[in-house]
Amino acid sequence: MKNFLIFLNIIISILIVLFILIQGKGAGLGSAWGGGGEFFQTRRGIEKLTLRITVILIILFLLISLINFFIVR
């Protein structure tokens, strides 16, 4: 069980890093591939989805880490 939780945490952490890198700082998803001058205050479409998936993955990572720490000793 402990090995499975550690493996799951590793997979989730890699996904978190990938989703954070996809988002880009202060710009839309289009700027990651050379797009450009437009700047929107709100996230729309795929950007909103990637943000929500990132938040869900971070919460899962935290919960699995706490389970691994408190329950599996």
Protein backbone atom coordinates (compact mmCIF):
# COMPACT_ATOMS: atom_id res chain seq x y z
CA MET A 1 0.00 0.00 0.00
CA LYS A 2 2.77 2.41 0.93
CA ASN A 3 4.62 1.75 -2.34
CA PHE A 4 1.45 2.39 -4.31
CA LEU A 5 0.87 5.72 -2.54
CA ILE A 6 4.45 6.81 -3.17
CA PHE A 7 4.18 5.82 -6.84
CA LEU A 8 0.88 7.71 -7.13
CA ASN A 9 2.48 10.80 -5.54
CA ILE A 10 5.34 10.68 -8.04
CA ILE A 11 2.94 10.47 -10.99
CA ILE A 12 0.79 13.31 -9.65
CA SER A 13 3.83 15.50 -8.97
CA ILE A 14 5.05 15.05 -12.55
CA LEU A 15 1.58 15.98 -13.84
CA ILE A 16 1.54 19.08 -11.60
CA VAL A 17 4.87 20.24 -12.98
CA LEU A 18 3.68 19.71 -16.56
CA PHE A 19 0.43 21.60 -16.02
CA ILE A 20 2.24 24.49 -14.33
CA LEU A 21 4.70 24.72 -17.21
CA ILE A 22 1.86 24.71 -19.75
CA GLN A 23 0.13 27.64 -18.06
CA GLY A 24 2.87 30.25 -18.47
CA LYS A 25 3.25 33.33 -16.30
CA GLY A 26 0.70 36.09 -16.67
CA ALA A 27 -0.15 35.27 -20.25
CA GLY A 28 -2.48 33.07 -22.18
CA LEU A 29 -1.78 29.59 -23.41
CA GLY A 30 -1.06 30.95 -26.87
CA SER A 31 2.08 32.75 -25.69
CA ALA A 32 3.71 29.41 -24.86
CA TRP A 33 3.94 28.74 -28.60
CA GLY A 34 4.97 32.19 -29.74
CA GLY A 35 1.56 33.83 -29.76
CA GLY A 36 1.22 37.12 -28.63
CA GLY A 37 0.09 40.57 -28.02
CA GLU A 38 -3.36 39.85 -26.65
CA PHE A 39 -3.83 39.89 -22.91
CA PHE A 40 -7.03 38.80 -21.20
CA GLN A 41 -7.78 39.42 -17.54
CA THR A 42 -9.83 36.25 -17.14
CA ARG A 43 -8.93 32.73 -18.08
CA ARG A 44 -11.05 31.19 -20.79
CA GLY A 45 -11.49 27.79 -22.34
CA ILE A 46 -8.49 25.51 -22.11
CA GLU A 47 -6.63 27.89 -19.78
CA LYS A 48 -9.43 27.69 -17.24
CA LEU A 49 -9.48 23.91 -17.56
CA THR A 50 -5.72 23.58 -17.03
CA LEU A 51 -5.94 25.80 -13.95
CA ARG A 52 -8.73 23.70 -12.47
CA ILE A 53 -6.92 20.43 -13.23
CA THR A 54 -3.76 21.84 -11.61
CA VAL A 55 -5.66 22.77 -8.45
CA ILE A 56 -7.30 19.35 -8.28
CA LEU A 57 -3.94 17.60 -8.73
CA ILE A 58 -2.38 19.73 -5.97
CA ILE A 59 -5.22 18.87 -3.59
CA LEU A 60 -4.87 15.16 -4.46
CA PHE A 61 -1.13 15.35 -3.89
CA LEU A 62 -1.67 16.92 -0.46
CA LEU A 63 -4.32 14.37 0.55
CA ILE A 64 -2.25 11.39 -0.56
CA SER A 65 0.80 12.79 1.22
CA LEU A 66 -1.19 13.20 4.45
CA ILE A 67 -2.60 9.69 4.15
CA ASN A 68 0.86 8.36 3.56
CA PHE A 69 2.22 10.23 6.57
CA PHE A 70 -0.51 9.59 9.14
CA ILE A 71 -2.11 6.27 8.25
CA VAL A 72 0.64 4.18 6.73
CA ARG A 73 3.33 4.04 9.39
